[in-house]
Amino acid sequence: MEWDFKEVCVVGLGMIGGSFALNLKFKGFKGKIKAIDKDPSAIEKGLEMEIIDEGSIKFSIAEGSDLVVIAVPVGSYKEVIEKLIPFLGENTIVSDLGSVKGN
């Protein structure tokens, strides 16, 4: 199955989320890459480095995304998902880049 995403939104533009967005660009993704981060300077840096096309501290930016990728600490997932839900479309795919290295 081939995916045809037009808009991807990365929640958390730190090392993992930023690397994911950068790799999308590197691999030739032609759609729009958006990002949400609680730190406005992370958004500014992502825009400056052309890793993302649009960014915000507001979860409403996720609206219209075909794929939302959560790249925040696992302990923050519940809060993030609760804030995302109002902006997710019926067919939006939500995934994550989390890992747990201990109990």
PDB file of N, CA and C in Angstrom:
ATOM      1  N   MET A   1       0.841  -1.180   0.000  1.00  0.00           N
ATOM      2  CA  MET A   1       0.000   0.000   0.000  1.00  0.00           C
ATOM      3  C   MET A   1       0.884   1.240   0.000  1.00  0.00           C
ATOM      4  N   GLU A   2       0.548   2.177  -0.842  1.00  0.00           N
ATOM      5  CA  GLU A   2       1.304   3.426  -0.924  1.00  0.00           C
ATOM      6  C   GLU A   2       0.506   4.542  -0.273  1.00  0.00           C
ATOM      7  N   TRP A   3       1.186   5.370   0.510  1.00  0.00           N
ATOM      8  CA  TRP A   3       0.538   6.486   1.191  1.00  0.00           C
ATOM      9  C   TRP A   3       0.748   7.752   0.383  1.00  0.00           C
ATOM     10  N   ASP A   4      -0.258   8.575   0.338  1.00  0.00           N
ATOM     11  CA  ASP A   4      -0.176   9.826  -0.391  1.00  0.00           C
ATOM     12  C   ASP A   4      -0.508  10.981   0.557  1.00  0.00           C
ATOM     13  N   PHE A   5       0.396  11.239   1.490  1.00  0.00           N
ATOM     14  CA  PHE A   5       0.170  12.309   2.462  1.00  0.00           C
ATOM     15  C   PHE A   5       0.458  13.659   1.819  1.00  0.00           C
ATOM     16  N   LYS A   6      -0.438  14.605   2.072  1.00  0.00           N
ATOM     17  CA  LYS A   6      -0.243  15.960   1.583  1.00  0.00           C
ATOM     18  C   LYS A   6       0.245  16.887   2.693  1.00  0.00           C
ATOM     19  N   GLU A   7      -0.156  16.569   3.934  1.00  0.00           N
ATOM     20  CA  GLU A   7       0.266  17.357   5.089  1.00  0.00           C
ATOM     21  C   GLU A   7       0.625  16.432   6.232  1.00  0.00           C
ATOM     22  N   VAL A   8       1.805  16.652   6.792  1.00  0.00           N
ATOM     23  CA  VAL A   8       2.273  15.908   7.953  1.00  0.00           C
ATOM     24  C   VAL A   8       2.510  16.917   9.064  1.00  0.00           C
ATOM     25  N   CYS A   9       2.060  16.580  10.261  1.00  0.00           N
ATOM     26  CA  CYS A   9       2.282  17.449  11.410  1.00  0.00           C
ATOM     27  C   CYS A   9       3.084  16.680  12.459  1.00  0.00           C
ATOM     28  N   VAL A  10       4.195  17.256  12.875  1.00  0.00           N
ATOM     29  CA  VAL A  10       5.053  16.664  13.900  1.00  0.00           C
ATOM     30  C   VAL A  10       4.805  17.410  15.207  1.00  0.00           C
ATOM     31  N   VAL A  11       4.452  16.664  16.240  1.00  0.00           N
ATOM     32  CA  VAL A  11       4.237  17.258  17.561  1.00  0.00           C
ATOM     33  C   VAL A  11       5.501  17.018  18.375  1.00  0.00           C
ATOM     34  N   GLY A  12       6.246  18.085  18.613  1.00  0.00           N
ATOM     35  CA  GLY A  12       7.520  17.980  19.320  1.00  0.00           C
ATOM     36  C   GLY A  12       8.660  18.078  18.325  1.00  0.00           C
ATOM     37  N   LEU A  13       9.285  19.224  18.254  1.00  0.00           N
ATOM     38  CA  LEU A  13      10.324  19.460  17.251  1.00  0.00           C
ATOM     39  C   LEU A  13      11.715  19.403  17.874  1.00  0.00           C
ATOM     40  N   GLY A  14      11.893  18.474  18.791  1.00  0.00           N
ATOM     41  CA  GLY A  14      13.207  18.257  19.391  1.00  0.00           C
ATOM     42  C   GLY A  14      14.072  17.398  18.487  1.00  0.00           C
ATOM     43  N   MET A  15      15.002  16.693  19.080  1.00  0.00           N
ATOM     44  CA  MET A  15      15.946  15.895  18.292  1.00  0.00           C
ATOM     45  C   MET A  15      15.241  14.821  17.458  1.00  0.00           C
ATOM     46  N   ILE A  16      14.301  14.107  18.049  1.00  0.00           N
ATOM     47  CA  ILE A  16      13.636  13.028  17.318  1.00  0.00           C
ATOM     48  C   ILE A  16      12.640  13.585  16.310  1.00  0.00           C
ATOM     49  N   GLY A  17      11.758  14.477  16.737  1.00  0.00           N
ATOM     50  CA  GLY A  17      10.776  15.059  15.831  1.00  0.00           C
ATOM     51  C   GLY A  17      11.416  15.873  14.721  1.00  0.00           C
ATOM     52  N   GLY A  18      12.443  16.635  15.079  1.00  0.00           N
ATOM     53  CA  GLY A  18      13.171  17.421  14.089  1.00  0.00           C
ATOM     54  C   GLY A  18      13.872  16.536  13.068  1.00  0.00           C
ATOM     55  N   SER A  19      14.458  15.440  13.542  1.00  0.00           N
ATOM     56  CA  SER A  19      15.132  14.505  12.632  1.00  0.00           C
ATOM     57  C   SER A  19      14.134  13.843  11.690  1.00  0.00           C
ATOM     58  N   PHE A  20      12.957  13.521  12.213  1.00  0.00           N
ATOM     59  CA  PHE A  20      11.913  12.925  11.377  1.00  0.00           C
ATOM     60  C   PHE A  20      11.515  13.899  10.266  1.00  0.00           C
ATOM     61  N   ALA A  21      11.252  15.154  10.642  1.00  0.00           N
ATOM     62  CA  ALA A  21      10.858  16.171   9.657  1.00  0.00           C
ATOM     63  C   ALA A  21      11.967  16.385   8.630  1.00  0.00           C
ATOM     64  N   LEU A  22      13.194  16.478   9.095  1.00  0.00           N
ATOM     65  CA  LEU A  22      14.325  16.671   8.189  1.00  0.00           C
ATOM     66  C   LEU A  22      14.470  15.502   7.222  1.00  0.00           C
ATOM     67  N   ASN A  23      14.268  14.295   7.708  1.00  0.00           N
ATOM     68  CA  ASN A  23      14.385  13.126   6.845  1.00  0.00           C
ATOM     69  C   ASN A  23      13.279  13.094   5.791  1.00  0.00           C
ATOM     70  N   LEU A  24      12.077  13.568   6.160  1.00  0.00           N
ATOM     71  CA  LEU A  24      11.021  13.673   5.154  1.00  0.00           C
ATOM     72  C   LEU A  24      11.485  14.565   4.003  1.00  0.00           C
ATOM     73  N   LYS A  25      12.050  15.729   4.348  1.00  0.00           N
ATOM     74  CA  LYS A  25      12.557  16.656   3.317  1.00  0.00           C
ATOM     75  C   LYS A  25      13.665  15.989   2.506  1.00  0.00           C
ATOM     76  N   PHE A  26      14.600  15.349   3.217  1.00  0.00           N
ATOM     77  CA  PHE A  26      15.747  14.700   2.581  1.00  0.00           C
ATOM     78  C   PHE A  26      15.306  13.634   1.582  1.00  0.00           C
ATOM     79  N   LYS A  27      14.237  12.910   1.916  1.00  0.00           N
ATOM     80  CA  LYS A  27      13.742  11.835   1.048  1.00  0.00           C
ATOM     81  C   LYS A  27      12.821  12.341  -0.059  1.00  0.00           C
ATOM     82  N   GLY A  28      12.605  13.672  -0.111  1.00  0.00           N
ATOM     83  CA  GLY A  28      11.847  14.247  -1.219  1.00  0.00           C
ATOM     84  C   GLY A  28      10.360  14.388  -0.996  1.00  0.00           C
ATOM     85  N   PHE A  29       9.917  14.380   0.257  1.00  0.00           N
ATOM     86  CA  PHE A  29       8.493  14.579   0.534  1.00  0.00           C
ATOM     87  C   PHE A  29       8.043  15.906  -0.061  1.00  0.00           C
ATOM     88  N   LYS A  30       6.993  15.877  -0.865  1.00  0.00           N
ATOM     89  CA  LYS A  30       6.536  17.070  -1.585  1.00  0.00           C
ATOM     90  C   LYS A  30       5.420  17.828  -0.864  1.00  0.00           C
ATOM     91  N   GLY A  31       4.854  17.213   0.171  1.00  0.00           N
ATOM     92  CA  GLY A  31       3.760  17.848   0.891  1.00  0.00           C
ATOM     93  C   GLY A  31       4.248  18.882   1.897  1.00  0.00           C
ATOM     94  N   LYS A  32       3.310  19.393   2.676  1.00  0.00           N
ATOM     95  CA  LYS A  32       3.603  20.397   3.690  1.00  0.00           C
ATOM     96  C   LYS A  32       3.955  19.700   5.004  1.00  0.00           C
ATOM     97  N   ILE A  33       5.008  20.185   5.644  1.00  0.00           N
ATOM     98  CA  ILE A  33       5.388  19.690   6.962  1.00  0.00           C
ATOM     99  C   ILE A  33       5.128  20.792   7.979  1.00  0.00           C
ATOM    100  N   LYS A  34       4.250  20.466   8.932  1.00  0.00           N
ATOM    101  CA  LYS A  34       3.911  21.405   9.987  1.00  0.00           C
ATOM    102  C   LYS A  34       4.437  20.853  11.306  1.00  0.00           C
ATOM    103  N   ALA A  35       4.591  21.733  12.291  1.00  0.00           N
ATOM    104  CA  ALA A  35       5.080  21.273  13.592  1.00  0.00           C
ATOM    105  C   ALA A  35       4.411  22.044  14.711  1.00  0.00           C
ATOM    106  N   ILE A  36       4.266  21.354  15.832  1.00  0.00           N
ATOM    107  CA  ILE A  36       3.789  21.944  17.072  1.00  0.00           C
ATOM    108  C   ILE A  36       4.892  21.755  18.101  1.00  0.00           C
ATOM    109  N   ASP A  37       5.218  22.820  18.813  1.00  0.00           N
ATOM    110  CA  ASP A  37       6.174  22.707  19.908  1.00  0.00           C
ATOM    111  C   ASP A  37       5.833  23.764  20.946  1.00  0.00           C
ATOM    112  N   LYS A  38       6.010  23.423  22.217  1.00  0.00           N
ATOM    113  CA  LYS A  38       5.699  24.397  23.266  1.00  0.00           C
ATOM    114  C   LYS A  38       6.739  25.504  23.336  1.00  0.00           C
ATOM    115  N   ASP A  39       7.879  25.289  22.700  1.00  0.00           N
ATOM    116  CA  ASP A  39       8.963  26.271  22.694  1.00  0.00           C
ATOM    117  C   ASP A  39       8.972  27.015  21.353  1.00  0.00           C
ATOM    118  N   PRO A  40       8.565  28.292  21.342  1.00  0.00           N
ATOM    119  CA  PRO A  40       8.539  29.042  20.078  1.00  0.00           C
ATOM    120  C   PRO A  40       9.889  29.086  19.375  1.00  0.00           C
ATOM    121  N   SER A  41      10.985  29.039  20.122  1.00  0.00           N
ATOM    122  CA  SER A  41      12.299  29.086  19.476  1.00  0.00           C
ATOM    123  C   SER A  41      12.575  27.819  18.666  1.00  0.00           C
ATOM    124  N   ALA A  42      11.998  26.690  19.068  1.00  0.00           N
ATOM    125  CA  ALA A  42      12.150  25.454  18.284  1.00  0.00           C
ATOM    126  C   ALA A  42      11.445  25.606  16.937  1.00  0.00           C
ATOM    127  N   ILE A  43      10.269  26.227  16.961  1.00  0.00           N
ATOM    128  CA  ILE A  43       9.532  26.490  15.721  1.00  0.00           C
ATOM    129  C   ILE A  43      10.329  27.441  14.838  1.00  0.00           C
ATOM    130  N   GLU A  44      10.832  28.514  15.424  1.00  0.00           N
ATOM    131  CA  GLU A  44      11.626  29.485  14.665  1.00  0.00           C
ATOM    132  C   GLU A  44      12.831  28.812  14.013  1.00  0.00           C
ATOM    133  N   LYS A  45      13.518  27.965  14.758  1.00  0.00           N
ATOM    134  CA  LYS A  45      14.702  27.269  14.239  1.00  0.00           C
ATOM    135  C   LYS A  45      14.314  26.317  13.103  1.00  0.00           C
ATOM    136  N   GLY A  46      13.200  25.593  13.280  1.00  0.00           N
ATOM    137  CA  GLY A  46      12.736  24.679  12.238  1.00  0.00           C
ATOM    138  C   GLY A  46      12.397  25.400  10.947  1.00  0.00           C
ATOM    139  N   LEU A  47      11.781  26.578  11.075  1.00  0.00           N
ATOM    140  CA  LEU A  47      11.460  27.383   9.895  1.00  0.00           C
ATOM    141  C   LEU A  47      12.728  27.938   9.256  1.00  0.00           C
ATOM    142  N   GLU A  48      13.632  28.437  10.090  1.00  0.00           N
ATOM    143  CA  GLU A  48      14.894  29.008   9.609  1.00  0.00           C
ATOM    144  C   GLU A  48      15.721  27.970   8.852  1.00  0.00           C
ATOM    145  N   MET A  49      15.736  26.740   9.371  1.00  0.00           N
ATOM    146  CA  MET A  49      16.518  25.669   8.743  1.00  0.00           C
ATOM    147  C   MET A  49      15.759  24.982   7.605  1.00  0.00           C
ATOM    148  N   GLU A  50      14.527  25.452   7.354  1.00  0.00           N
ATOM    149  CA  GLU A  50      13.667  24.896   6.311  1.00  0.00           C
ATOM    150  C   GLU A  50      13.370  23.411   6.525  1.00  0.00           C
ATOM    151  N   ILE A  51      13.285  23.007   7.800  1.00  0.00           N
ATOM    152  CA  ILE A  51      12.906  21.642   8.150  1.00  0.00           C
ATOM    153  C   ILE A  51      11.390  21.518   8.115  1.00  0.00           C
ATOM    154  N   ILE A  52      10.700  22.620   8.471  1.00  0.00           N
ATOM    155  CA  ILE A  52       9.243  22.646   8.453  1.00  0.00           C
ATOM    156  C   ILE A  52       8.775  23.809   7.573  1.00  0.00           C
ATOM    157  N   ASP A  53       7.541  23.706   7.130  1.00  0.00           N
ATOM    158  CA  ASP A  53       6.952  24.759   6.308  1.00  0.00           C
ATOM    159  C   ASP A  53       6.092  25.713   7.126  1.00  0.00           C
ATOM    160  N   GLU A  54       5.607  25.205   8.259  1.00  0.00           N
ATOM    161  CA  GLU A  54       4.721  25.989   9.111  1.00  0.00           C
ATOM    162  C   GLU A  54       4.820  25.432  10.520  1.00  0.00           C
ATOM    163  N   GLY A  55       4.723  26.300  11.519  1.00  0.00           N
ATOM    164  CA  GLY A  55       4.810  25.830  12.892  1.00  0.00           C
ATOM    165  C   GLY A  55       4.051  26.717  13.845  1.00  0.00           C
ATOM    166  N   SER A  56       3.703  26.152  15.000  1.00  0.00           N
ATOM    167  CA  SER A  56       2.939  26.900  15.987  1.00  0.00           C
ATOM    168  C   SER A  56       3.056  26.246  17.359  1.00  0.00           C
ATOM    169  N   ILE A  57       2.740  27.025  18.383  1.00  0.00           N
ATOM    170  CA  ILE A  57       2.619  26.472  19.730  1.00  0.00           C
ATOM    171  C   ILE A  57       1.179  25.993  19.952  1.00  0.00           C
ATOM    172  N   LYS A  58       0.294  26.256  18.996  1.00  0.00           N
ATOM    173  CA  LYS A  58      -1.123  25.904  19.110  1.00  0.00           C
ATOM    174  C   LYS A  58      -1.423  24.602  18.368  1.00  0.00           C
ATOM    175  N   PHE A  59      -2.198  23.749  19.025  1.00  0.00           N
ATOM    176  CA  PHE A  59      -2.531  22.451  18.447  1.00  0.00           C
ATOM    177  C   PHE A  59      -3.441  22.554  17.235  1.00  0.00           C
ATOM    178  N   SER A  60      -4.092  23.675  17.052  1.00  0.00           N
ATOM    179  CA  SER A  60      -4.998  23.852  15.916  1.00  0.00           C
ATOM    180  C   SER A  60      -4.268  23.738  14.577  1.00  0.00           C
ATOM    181  N   ILE A  61      -2.960  23.910  14.576  1.00  0.00           N
ATOM    182  CA  ILE A  61      -2.202  23.797  13.322  1.00  0.00           C
ATOM    183  C   ILE A  61      -2.258  22.381  12.754  1.00  0.00           C
ATOM    184  N   ALA A  62      -2.592  21.401  13.593  1.00  0.00           N
ATOM    185  CA  ALA A  62      -2.679  20.011  13.137  1.00  0.00           C
ATOM    186  C   ALA A  62      -3.878  19.778  12.222  1.00  0.00           C
ATOM    187  N   GLU A  63      -4.857  20.681  12.267  1.00  0.00           N
ATOM    188  CA  GLU A  63      -6.058  20.524  11.457  1.00  0.00           C
ATOM    189  C   GLU A  63      -5.696  20.426   9.973  1.00  0.00           C
ATOM    190  N   GLY A  64      -6.278  19.456   9.310  1.00  0.00           N
ATOM    191  CA  GLY A  64      -6.015  19.257   7.887  1.00  0.00           C
ATOM    192  C   GLY A  64      -4.862  18.318   7.593  1.00  0.00           C
ATOM    193  N   SER A  65      -4.148  17.887   8.616  1.00  0.00           N
ATOM    194  CA  SER A  65      -3.022  16.970   8.406  1.00  0.00           C
ATOM    195  C   SER A  65      -3.518  15.559   8.123  1.00  0.00           C
ATOM    196  N   ASP A  66      -2.844  14.885   7.203  1.00  0.00           N
ATOM    197  CA  ASP A  66      -3.156  13.493   6.892  1.00  0.00           C
ATOM    198  C   ASP A  66      -2.479  12.551   7.885  1.00  0.00           C
ATOM    199  N   LEU A  67      -1.323  12.979   8.380  1.00  0.00           N
ATOM    200  CA  LEU A  67      -0.536  12.193   9.327  1.00  0.00           C
ATOM    201  C   LEU A  67      -0.063  13.113  10.437  1.00  0.00           C
ATOM    202  N   VAL A  68      -0.266  12.691  11.678  1.00  0.00           N
ATOM    203  CA  VAL A  68       0.252  13.413  12.841  1.00  0.00           C
ATOM    204  C   VAL A  68       1.202  12.464  13.563  1.00  0.00           C
ATOM    205  N   VAL A  69       2.430  12.912  13.775  1.00  0.00           N
ATOM    206  CA  VAL A  69       3.444  12.100  14.434  1.00  0.00           C
ATOM    207  C   VAL A  69       3.798  12.748  15.773  1.00  0.00           C
ATOM    208  N   ILE A  70       3.607  11.996  16.840  1.00  0.00           N
ATOM    209  CA  ILE A  70       3.885  12.499  18.182  1.00  0.00           C
ATOM    210  C   ILE A  70       5.324  12.153  18.547  1.00  0.00           C
ATOM    211  N   ALA A  71       6.103  13.193  18.856  1.00  0.00           N
ATOM    212  CA  ALA A  71       7.524  13.021  19.188  1.00  0.00           C
ATOM    213  C   ALA A  71       7.835  13.791  20.469  1.00  0.00           C
ATOM    214  N   VAL A  72       7.114  13.432  21.520  1.00  0.00           N
ATOM    215  CA  VAL A  72       7.310  14.046  22.833  1.00  0.00           C
ATOM    216  C   VAL A  72       7.597  12.935  23.835  1.00  0.00           C
ATOM    217  N   PRO A  73       8.039  13.272  25.045  1.00  0.00           N
ATOM    218  CA  PRO A  73       8.238  12.220  26.044  1.00  0.00           C
ATOM    219  C   PRO A  73       6.953  11.408  26.265  1.00  0.00           C
ATOM    220  N   VAL A  74       7.093  10.101  26.407  1.00  0.00           N
ATOM    221  CA  VAL A  74       5.961   9.192  26.530  1.00  0.00           C
ATOM    222  C   VAL A  74       5.010   9.624  27.651  1.00  0.00           C
ATOM    223  N   GLY A  75       5.528  10.165  28.722  1.00  0.00           N
ATOM    224  CA  GLY A  75       4.701  10.605  29.829  1.00  0.00           C
ATOM    225  C   GLY A  75       3.780  11.760  29.487  1.00  0.00           C
ATOM    226  N   SER A  76       4.016  12.421  28.360  1.00  0.00           N
ATOM    227  CA  SER A  76       3.195  13.560  27.929  1.00  0.00           C
ATOM    228  C   SER A  76       2.126  13.177  26.909  1.00  0.00           C
ATOM    229  N   TYR A  77       2.083  11.914  26.510  1.00  0.00           N
ATOM    230  CA  TYR A  77       1.160  11.497  25.451  1.00  0.00           C
ATOM    231  C   TYR A  77      -0.296  11.817  25.766  1.00  0.00           C
ATOM    232  N   LYS A  78      -0.756  11.497  26.955  1.00  0.00           N
ATOM    233  CA  LYS A  78      -2.167  11.702  27.298  1.00  0.00           C
ATOM    234  C   LYS A  78      -2.561  13.164  27.107  1.00  0.00           C
ATOM    235  N   GLU A  79      -1.767  14.073  27.633  1.00  0.00           N
ATOM    236  CA  GLU A  79      -2.043  15.498  27.514  1.00  0.00           C
ATOM    237  C   GLU A  79      -2.040  15.940  26.050  1.00  0.00           C
ATOM    238  N   VAL A  80      -1.056  15.490  25.300  1.00  0.00           N
ATOM    239  CA  VAL A  80      -0.929  15.863  23.887  1.00  0.00           C
ATOM    240  C   VAL A  80      -2.120  15.342  23.083  1.00  0.00           C
ATOM    241  N   ILE A  81      -2.474  14.093  23.276  1.00  0.00           N
ATOM    242  CA  ILE A  81      -3.582  13.515  22.515  1.00  0.00           C
ATOM    243  C   ILE A  81      -4.895  14.214  22.841  1.00  0.00           C
ATOM    244  N   GLU A  82      -5.105  14.538  24.112  1.00  0.00           N
ATOM    245  CA  GLU A  82      -6.331  15.258  24.485  1.00  0.00           C
ATOM    246  C   GLU A  82      -6.409  16.618  23.789  1.00  0.00           C
ATOM    247  N   LYS A  83      -5.281  17.284  23.629  1.00  0.00           N
ATOM    248  CA  LYS A  83      -5.263  18.586  22.954  1.00  0.00           C
ATOM    249  C   LYS A  83      -5.397  18.446  21.438  1.00  0.00           C
ATOM    250  N   LEU A  84      -4.944  17.324  20.885  1.00  0.00           N
ATOM    251  CA  LEU A  84      -5.004  17.093  19.440  1.00  0.00           C
ATOM    252  C   LEU A  84      -6.392  16.698  18.937  1.00  0.00           C
ATOM    253  N   ILE A  85      -7.114  15.927  19.736  1.00  0.00           N
ATOM    254  CA  ILE A  85      -8.366  15.314  19.288  1.00  0.00           C
ATOM    255  C   ILE A  85      -9.305  16.272  18.560  1.00  0.00           C
ATOM    256  N   PRO A  86      -9.542  17.487  19.059  1.00  0.00           N
ATOM    257  CA  PRO A  86     -10.491  18.360  18.349  1.00  0.00           C
ATOM    258  C   PRO A  86     -10.058  18.749  16.930  1.00  0.00           C
ATOM    259  N   PHE A  87      -8.788  18.544  16.605  1.00  0.00           N
ATOM    260  CA  PHE A  87      -8.267  19.004  15.313  1.00  0.00           C
ATOM    261  C   PHE A  87      -7.947  17.867  14.350  1.00  0.00           C
ATOM    262  N   LEU A  88      -8.264  16.647  14.737  1.00  0.00           N
ATOM    263  CA  LEU A  88      -7.982  15.494  13.888  1.00  0.00           C
ATOM    264  C   LEU A  88      -9.172  15.186  12.997  1.00  0.00           C
ATOM    265  N   GLY A  89      -8.884  14.918  11.740  1.00  0.00           N
ATOM    266  CA  GLY A  89      -9.927  14.531  10.799  1.00  0.00           C
ATOM    267  C   GLY A  89     -10.293  13.069  10.979  1.00  0.00           C
ATOM    268  N   GLU A  90     -11.396  12.691  10.369  1.00  0.00           N
ATOM    269  CA  GLU A  90     -11.891  11.314  10.469  1.00  0.00           C
ATOM    270  C   GLU A  90     -10.875  10.301   9.961  1.00  0.00           C
ATOM    271  N   ASN A  91     -10.088  10.668   8.961  1.00  0.00           N
ATOM    272  CA  ASN A  91      -9.126   9.741   8.359  1.00  0.00           C
ATOM    273  C   ASN A  91      -7.675  10.059   8.698  1.00  0.00           C
ATOM    274  N   THR A  92      -7.457  10.944   9.660  1.00  0.00           N
ATOM    275  CA  THR A  92      -6.086  11.288  10.049  1.00  0.00           C
ATOM    276  C   THR A  92      -5.422  10.093  10.725  1.00  0.00           C
ATOM    277  N   ILE A  93      -4.225   9.791  10.294  1.00  0.00           N
ATOM    278  CA  ILE A  93      -3.432   8.738  10.929  1.00  0.00           C
ATOM    279  C   ILE A  93      -2.566   9.392  11.993  1.00  0.00           C
ATOM    280  N   VAL A  94      -2.565   8.815  13.195  1.00  0.00           N
ATOM    281  CA  VAL A  94      -1.748   9.309  14.289  1.00  0.00           C
ATOM    282  C   VAL A  94      -0.768   8.207  14.671  1.00  0.00           C
ATOM    283  N   SER A  95       0.511   8.574  14.741  1.00  0.00           N
ATOM    284  CA  SER A  95       1.547   7.634  15.136  1.00  0.00           C
ATOM    285  C   SER A  95       2.490   8.321  16.113  1.00  0.00           C
ATOM    286  N   ASP A  96       3.473   7.580  16.581  1.00  0.00           N
ATOM    287  CA  ASP A  96       4.410   8.171  17.532  1.00  0.00           C
ATOM    288  C   ASP A  96       5.816   7.657  17.290  1.00  0.00           C
ATOM    289  N   LEU A  97       6.765   8.373  17.911  1.00  0.00           N
ATOM    290  CA  LEU A  97       8.172   8.003  17.803  1.00  0.00           C
ATOM    291  C   LEU A  97       8.759   7.720  19.180  1.00  0.00           C
ATOM    292  N   GLY A  98       7.891   7.339  20.107  1.00  0.00           N
ATOM    293  CA  GLY A  98       8.324   7.153  21.497  1.00  0.00           C
ATOM    294  C   GLY A  98       9.024   5.838  21.729  1.00  0.00           C
ATOM    295  N   SER A  99       9.810   5.829  22.780  1.00  0.00           N
ATOM    296  CA  SER A  99      10.415   4.571  23.237  1.00  0.00           C
ATOM    297  C   SER A  99      10.624   4.684  24.742  1.00  0.00           C
ATOM    298  N   VAL A 100      10.631   3.552  25.388  1.00  0.00           N
ATOM    299  CA  VAL A 100      10.841   3.494  26.820  1.00  0.00           C
ATOM    300  C   VAL A 100      12.057   2.617  27.057  1.00  0.00           C
ATOM    301  N   LYS A 101      13.008   3.132  27.795  1.00  0.00           N
ATOM    302  CA  LYS A 101      14.255   2.407  27.995  1.00  0.00           C
ATOM    303  C   LYS A 101      14.401   1.872  29.419  1.00  0.00           C
ATOM    304  N   GLY A 102      13.324   1.878  30.171  1.00  0.00           N
ATOM    305  CA  GLY A 102      13.360   1.377  31.546  1.00  0.00           C
ATOM    306  C   GLY A 102      11.969   1.032  32.021  1.00  0.00           C
ATOM    307  N   ASN A 103      11.855   0.697  33.280  1.00  0.00           N
ATOM    308  CA  ASN A 103      10.538   0.363  33.853  1.00  0.00           C
ATOM    309  C   ASN A 103       9.646   1.575  33.917  1.00  0.00           C
TER     310      ASN A 103
END
